[in-house]
Amino acid sequence: TYRPTVDHHISRIETLKSLLNKHGAPGSKGCASPNDLVPLNSHDDESLLDLHPHLYPIAVSSSTGNYVCALRRAYADDADYESSNNAPWPIVESKINGVGYNLLAVNSEHF
């Protein structure tokens, strides 16, 4: 089974992380401050298990604890995300144990 990498769904992820760190996330409620977002290069932190399982964390705000994430698209009958293999993931803001998320961009190209 073909399983695309995260890079396939989030174009230029390293550039996105750098821009988020320097400028914050435009339109965000808790991740908009420059030099506040810390890029996530590891997903080993157990607290990330409390984010919605469809969210792929990209960066975290050092002041609010909010996350900028990519939203994996999934459908009720698609546990392996195969229906969205070729689709870019929208960029959203969320928080640990939060209800839902806020759409920031349709994908990383529109950010």
Protein backbone atom coordinates (compact mmCIF):
# COMPACT_ATOMS: atom_id res chain seq x y z
CA THR A 1 0.00 0.00 0.00
CA TYR A 2 1.30 3.44 -0.96
CA ARG A 3 1.71 5.67 2.11
CA PRO A 4 2.81 9.21 1.28
CA THR A 5 5.07 11.02 3.70
CA VAL A 6 4.04 14.10 5.65
CA ASP A 7 6.14 16.13 3.20
CA HIS A 8 3.77 15.00 0.46
CA HIS A 9 0.81 16.62 2.24
CA ILE A 10 2.55 19.68 3.70
CA SER A 11 4.69 21.24 1.02
CA ARG A 12 7.93 22.87 2.13
CA ILE A 13 7.32 21.99 5.77
CA GLU A 14 10.76 23.19 6.92
CA THR A 15 10.16 26.58 5.27
CA LEU A 16 6.72 26.72 6.88
CA LYS A 17 8.22 26.01 10.32
CA SER A 18 10.81 28.75 9.81
CA LEU A 19 8.19 31.31 8.73
CA LEU A 20 5.91 30.39 11.64
CA ASN A 21 8.79 30.89 14.05
CA LYS A 22 9.73 34.29 12.60
CA HIS A 23 6.28 35.75 11.95
CA GLY A 24 3.67 33.72 13.83
CA ALA A 25 0.50 32.37 12.24
CA PRO A 26 -1.65 35.03 10.53
CA GLY A 27 -5.29 34.86 11.59
CA SER A 28 -4.50 32.82 14.67
CA LYS A 29 -5.89 33.59 18.13
CA GLY A 30 -3.05 32.09 20.14
CA CYS A 31 -0.18 31.60 17.69
CA ALA A 32 0.12 34.99 15.98
CA SER A 33 3.09 36.49 17.84
CA PRO A 34 6.46 36.62 16.07
CA ASN A 35 9.27 34.55 17.64
CA ASP A 36 6.77 32.65 19.80
CA LEU A 37 6.16 29.45 17.82
CA VAL A 38 8.59 26.62 18.39
CA PRO A 39 8.82 24.14 15.49
CA LEU A 40 8.18 20.51 16.45
CA ASN A 41 10.77 18.13 15.06
CA SER A 42 9.81 15.23 17.32
CA HIS A 43 6.39 13.90 18.22
CA ASP A 44 7.51 11.87 21.25
CA ASP A 45 5.88 14.15 23.85
CA GLU A 46 3.05 12.15 25.45
CA SER A 47 0.90 15.27 25.85
CA LEU A 48 0.50 15.28 22.04
CA LEU A 49 -1.70 12.21 22.48
CA ASP A 50 -4.32 14.61 23.85
CA LEU A 51 -4.55 16.45 20.51
CA HIS A 52 -7.22 15.23 18.13
CA PRO A 53 -5.86 12.15 16.31
CA HIS A 54 -6.38 13.75 12.88
CA LEU A 55 -4.02 16.62 13.76
CA TYR A 56 -0.33 16.55 12.85
CA PRO A 57 1.43 19.15 15.06
CA ILE A 58 3.88 21.46 13.28
CA ALA A 59 4.67 24.10 15.94
CA VAL A 60 3.64 25.08 19.47
CA SER A 61 3.27 28.53 21.02
CA SER A 62 5.60 29.01 23.98
CA SER A 63 3.20 31.58 25.50
CA THR A 64 -0.27 30.04 25.00
CA GLY A 65 0.46 26.34 24.46
CA ASN A 66 -1.66 26.36 21.30
CA TYR A 67 -0.52 24.31 18.32
CA VAL A 68 -0.34 24.96 14.60
CA CYS A 69 -1.19 21.64 12.97
CA ALA A 70 -1.97 20.04 9.66
CA LEU A 71 -5.39 18.39 9.49
CA ARG A 72 -5.34 14.90 8.03
CA ARG A 73 -8.46 14.45 5.99
CA ALA A 74 -10.35 11.30 6.84
CA TYR A 75 -13.76 9.90 6.20
CA ALA A 76 -15.83 7.46 8.24
CA ASP A 77 -14.87 4.48 6.08
CA ASP A 78 -11.22 5.47 5.63
CA ALA A 79 -9.15 4.49 8.68
CA ASP A 80 -5.95 4.48 6.58
CA TYR A 81 -6.52 7.95 5.06
CA GLU A 82 -6.33 6.43 1.56
CA SER A 83 -9.03 8.73 0.17
CA SER A 84 -6.78 11.73 0.81
CA ASN A 85 -3.45 10.30 -0.37
CA ASN A 86 -2.96 13.06 -2.93
CA ALA A 87 -4.62 15.94 -1.11
CA PRO A 88 -2.74 18.70 0.72
CA TRP A 89 -3.64 19.01 4.39
CA PRO A 90 -5.27 22.22 5.68
CA ILE A 91 -3.37 24.18 8.36
CA VAL A 92 -5.28 24.70 11.61
CA GLU A 93 -4.81 25.94 15.17
CA SER A 94 -5.76 23.79 18.14
CA LYS A 95 -4.81 23.10 21.74
CA ILE A 96 -4.41 20.15 24.06
CA ASN A 97 -7.82 18.86 25.18
CA GLY A 98 -9.40 21.63 23.11
CA VAL A 99 -12.70 21.41 21.33
CA GLY A 100 -12.14 21.44 17.58
CA TYR A 101 -9.73 23.68 15.72
CA ASN A 102 -9.60 26.96 13.78
CA LEU A 103 -8.81 26.91 10.07
CA LEU A 104 -5.78 29.07 9.26
CA ALA A 105 -5.10 28.12 5.63
CA VAL A 106 -6.43 25.70 3.02
CA ASN A 107 -2.89 24.27 2.80
CA SER A 108 0.70 25.32 3.43
CA GLU A 109 0.92 26.99 0.00
CA HIS A 110 -1.81 29.48 1.02
CA PHE A 111 -0.21 30.35 4.34
